[in-house]
Amino acid sequence: MTDAPLTAADFAKKANVSRETLARLQRYADLLVKWQKSINLVGGDTLNDLWRRHFWDSVQLASLVPADTRVITDFGSGAGFPGLVLAILLDTEINLVESSGKKIAFLREAARVSGARVHLHQGRIEKLSLPKSDLITARALAPLNQLLDFAVPNLKPQGFCLFLKGARAEEELTDAVKTRSMTVERTQSVTDPNGVILSIREISRDG
């Protein structure tokens, strides 16, 4: 039996967000539903449970972000998950990286209506000159090996990654450690019983 869709009010209680923050997120959500009619921003089958599948899924990263984190970059931001949500929740500027011009246009408008502070970078990650980051995030973008290839050149020496992963997380980790050393911490996803958040730091190539 599947859970009933999460309402905005239910989300606010579970995520412990203020009324002001919820109002900002609601404006973002309303815009997403409007733009989804002409641009494929999220999977159509997730729209009826938007607050659980996308907003709460993104918010769960916030508790894993140290208070002294200054530069955050979100790879493959798409419709803004998790990067734009974190920008609203943490009230800090976040770099959003996205190759699609249509999605960049959406992110720009979503940031405007929600009052989020973001810096938009359009292009392929490996082709862009990005700021060195304390934290890099990504969700549903690429296999772990590829994410690490993207992340390492853009991390500060003490920087780390938070990657939202699904059922294949352990398989991808097994593959990644064949050629790398890294420190990994796992946090169970609150929205997906098969999901996990991988916190990865001290990444280096073997040999």
Protein backbone atom coordinates (compact mmCIF):
# COMPACT_ATOMS: atom_id res chain seq x y z
CA MET A 1 0.00 0.00 0.00
CA THR A 2 1.45 3.35 -1.04
CA ASP A 3 1.37 6.42 1.18
CA ALA A 4 -1.14 9.12 0.40
CA PRO A 5 0.35 12.17 -1.34
CA LEU A 6 1.96 14.63 1.05
CA THR A 7 0.18 17.98 1.34
CA ALA A 8 2.03 21.26 1.74
CA ALA A 9 0.87 21.41 5.36
CA ASP A 10 2.08 17.85 6.02
CA PHE A 11 5.41 18.70 4.40
CA ALA A 12 5.81 21.79 6.60
CA LYS A 13 5.35 19.68 9.75
CA LYS A 14 7.68 16.90 8.65
CA ALA A 15 10.37 19.26 7.38
CA ASN A 16 9.89 21.71 10.26
CA VAL A 17 9.87 24.79 8.03
CA SER A 18 8.45 28.18 8.97
CA ARG A 19 5.33 29.66 7.40
CA GLU A 20 7.48 32.15 5.54
CA THR A 21 9.70 29.41 4.10
CA LEU A 22 6.66 27.33 3.17
CA ALA A 23 5.18 30.32 1.36
CA ARG A 24 8.38 30.71 -0.68
CA LEU A 25 8.41 27.01 -1.50
CA GLN A 26 4.71 27.14 -2.41
CA ARG A 27 5.35 29.87 -4.97
CA TYR A 28 8.10 27.70 -6.42
CA ALA A 29 5.83 24.63 -6.49
CA ASP A 30 3.00 26.56 -8.18
CA LEU A 31 5.39 27.80 -10.86
CA LEU A 32 6.72 24.28 -11.44
CA VAL A 33 3.21 22.91 -12.00
CA LYS A 34 2.49 25.75 -14.43
CA TRP A 35 5.71 25.32 -16.44
CA GLN A 36 5.43 21.52 -16.43
CA LYS A 37 2.62 21.87 -18.97
CA SER A 38 5.10 23.03 -21.60
CA ILE A 39 8.51 21.81 -20.30
CA ASN A 40 9.25 18.37 -18.89
CA LEU A 41 10.75 19.45 -15.55
CA VAL A 42 9.91 16.40 -13.44
CA GLY A 43 8.43 12.97 -14.09
CA GLY A 44 4.72 13.39 -14.78
CA ASP A 45 3.84 10.59 -12.38
CA THR A 46 5.49 12.49 -9.49
CA LEU A 47 3.41 15.66 -9.79
CA ASN A 48 0.62 14.36 -7.57
CA ASP A 49 3.13 13.83 -4.74
CA LEU A 50 5.37 16.82 -5.42
CA TRP A 51 5.93 17.72 -1.76
CA ARG A 52 7.24 14.25 -0.85
CA ARG A 53 9.00 13.20 -4.06
CA HIS A 54 10.84 16.46 -4.67
CA PHE A 55 10.64 19.01 -1.84
CA TRP A 56 10.99 16.77 1.22
CA ASP A 57 13.50 14.63 -0.66
CA SER A 58 15.63 17.76 -1.14
CA VAL A 59 15.09 19.23 2.32
CA GLN A 60 16.54 16.14 4.03
CA LEU A 61 20.01 17.22 2.88
CA ALA A 62 19.86 20.43 4.91
CA SER A 63 20.63 18.75 8.24
CA LEU A 64 23.81 17.30 6.73
CA VAL A 65 25.19 20.69 5.67
CA PRO A 66 27.65 22.13 8.25
CA ALA A 67 26.82 25.63 9.48
CA ASP A 68 30.13 27.02 8.22
CA THR A 69 29.55 25.88 4.63
CA ARG A 70 30.04 28.87 2.34
CA VAL A 71 30.18 27.72 -1.29
CA ILE A 72 27.64 25.12 -2.47
CA THR A 73 27.27 23.89 -6.03
CA ASP A 74 24.41 21.73 -7.29
CA PHE A 75 25.16 19.65 -10.40
CA GLY A 76 22.40 18.97 -12.91
CA SER A 77 19.89 21.19 -11.12
CA GLY A 78 17.05 20.51 -13.57
CA ALA A 79 13.89 21.75 -11.86
CA GLY A 80 15.91 22.89 -8.83
CA PHE A 81 16.12 19.75 -6.71
CA PRO A 82 17.91 19.80 -4.38
CA GLY A 83 19.83 23.04 -5.11
CA LEU A 84 17.08 25.63 -5.28
CA VAL A 85 15.27 24.13 -2.29
CA LEU A 86 18.48 24.32 -0.24
CA ALA A 87 19.02 27.92 -1.32
CA ILE A 88 15.62 28.77 0.12
CA LEU A 89 15.96 26.67 3.25
CA LEU A 90 19.53 27.61 4.14
CA ASP A 91 19.15 31.20 2.94
CA THR A 92 22.51 31.06 1.24
CA GLU A 93 23.59 31.57 -2.37
CA ILE A 94 23.98 28.32 -4.26
CA ASN A 95 25.49 27.68 -7.67
CA LEU A 96 23.03 25.85 -9.90
CA VAL A 97 24.55 24.04 -12.90
CA GLU A 98 22.27 23.00 -15.76
CA SER A 99 22.88 22.43 -19.47
CA SER A 100 19.30 22.99 -20.69
CA GLY A 101 18.45 26.57 -21.62
CA LYS A 102 14.75 25.97 -20.95
CA LYS A 103 15.47 24.65 -17.47
CA ILE A 104 17.82 27.57 -16.79
CA ALA A 105 14.95 29.91 -17.72
CA PHE A 106 12.70 28.07 -15.27
CA LEU A 107 15.31 28.21 -12.50
CA ARG A 108 15.76 31.95 -13.04
CA GLU A 109 12.02 32.55 -12.69
CA ALA A 110 11.67 30.14 -9.76
CA ALA A 111 14.49 31.93 -7.94
CA ARG A 112 12.77 35.25 -8.59
CA VAL A 113 9.34 34.23 -7.27
CA SER A 114 10.79 32.45 -4.24
CA GLY A 115 13.43 35.05 -3.39
CA ALA A 116 16.20 32.44 -3.55
CA ARG A 117 19.80 33.57 -3.97
CA VAL A 118 21.34 31.50 -6.73
CA HIS A 119 24.03 31.85 -9.35
CA LEU A 120 23.12 30.09 -12.59
CA HIS A 121 25.70 28.29 -14.74
CA GLN A 122 24.50 27.00 -18.10
CA GLY A 123 26.54 24.32 -19.84
CA ARG A 124 28.08 20.92 -19.43
CA ILE A 125 29.78 20.52 -16.06
CA GLU A 126 33.12 19.44 -17.50
CA LYS A 127 33.22 22.49 -19.80
CA LEU A 128 32.43 25.15 -17.19
CA SER A 129 34.74 27.15 -14.95
CA LEU A 130 33.02 26.76 -11.59
CA PRO A 131 33.93 28.09 -8.15
CA LYS A 132 35.77 25.74 -5.83
CA SER A 133 33.09 24.47 -3.49
CA ASP A 134 32.81 23.40 0.14
CA LEU A 135 29.91 21.16 -0.87
CA ILE A 136 28.67 19.65 -4.13
CA THR A 137 25.21 18.11 -4.39
CA ALA A 138 23.49 16.08 -7.08
CA ARG A 139 20.29 14.09 -7.49
CA ALA A 140 19.37 11.63 -10.24
CA LEU A 141 22.10 12.94 -12.52
CA ALA A 142 24.68 10.26 -13.33
CA PRO A 143 26.39 7.12 -12.00
CA LEU A 144 28.66 7.70 -9.00
CA ASN A 145 31.90 7.28 -10.97
CA GLN A 146 30.89 10.08 -13.31
CA LEU A 147 29.70 12.30 -10.46
CA LEU A 148 33.06 11.93 -8.75
CA ASP A 149 34.88 12.80 -11.98
CA PHE A 150 32.77 15.95 -12.16
CA ALA A 151 33.15 16.80 -8.48
CA VAL A 152 36.85 16.41 -7.72
CA PRO A 153 38.13 19.32 -9.89
CA ASN A 154 35.51 21.60 -8.37
CA LEU A 155 35.94 20.78 -4.67
CA LYS A 156 38.02 22.66 -2.12
CA PRO A 157 40.65 20.47 -0.40
CA GLN A 158 38.34 19.85 2.58
CA GLY A 159 35.17 19.88 0.51
CA PHE A 160 32.69 17.01 0.31
CA CYS A 161 29.74 15.71 -1.69
CA LEU A 162 26.15 14.86 -0.84
CA PHE A 163 24.60 12.64 -3.48
CA LEU A 164 21.03 11.36 -3.36
CA LYS A 165 21.08 7.80 -4.66
CA GLY A 166 18.60 4.98 -5.19
CA ALA A 167 18.64 1.20 -5.03
CA ARG A 168 21.88 0.87 -7.02
CA ALA A 169 23.92 2.97 -4.58
CA GLU A 170 25.98 0.07 -3.20
CA GLU A 171 26.64 -1.31 -6.67
CA GLU A 172 27.87 2.11 -7.79
CA LEU A 173 30.04 2.45 -4.68
CA THR A 174 31.61 -0.96 -5.28
CA ASP A 175 32.49 0.16 -8.79
CA ALA A 176 33.83 3.55 -7.67
CA VAL A 177 36.21 2.19 -5.02
CA LYS A 178 37.96 0.02 -7.62
CA THR A 179 39.87 3.09 -8.76
CA ARG A 180 39.50 5.55 -5.86
CA SER A 181 40.02 5.97 -2.15
CA MET A 182 37.35 7.93 -0.30
CA THR A 183 35.54 8.29 3.00
CA VAL A 184 31.85 7.47 2.72
CA GLU A 185 28.97 7.92 5.16
CA ARG A 186 25.49 6.66 4.40
CA THR A 187 22.23 8.22 5.59
CA GLN A 188 18.93 6.46 4.95
CA SER A 189 16.53 8.50 2.81
CA VAL A 190 13.40 9.65 4.62
CA THR A 191 11.34 9.58 1.41
CA ASP A 192 12.44 6.35 -0.24
CA PRO A 193 13.05 3.03 1.57
CA ASN A 194 15.51 2.10 -1.19
CA GLY A 195 17.18 5.50 -1.19
CA VAL A 196 20.34 6.69 0.51
CA ILE A 197 22.31 9.90 0.86
CA LEU A 198 26.02 9.38 0.27
CA SER A 199 28.34 11.81 2.04
CA ILE A 200 31.73 11.48 0.35
CA ARG A 201 35.00 13.21 1.17
CA GLU A 202 38.77 12.70 0.95
CA ILE A 203 38.48 11.48 -2.63
CA SER A 204 41.65 10.45 -4.44
CA ARG A 205 42.55 8.30 -7.42
CA ASP A 206 44.47 5.12 -6.64
CA GLY A 207 47.78 4.70 -8.37
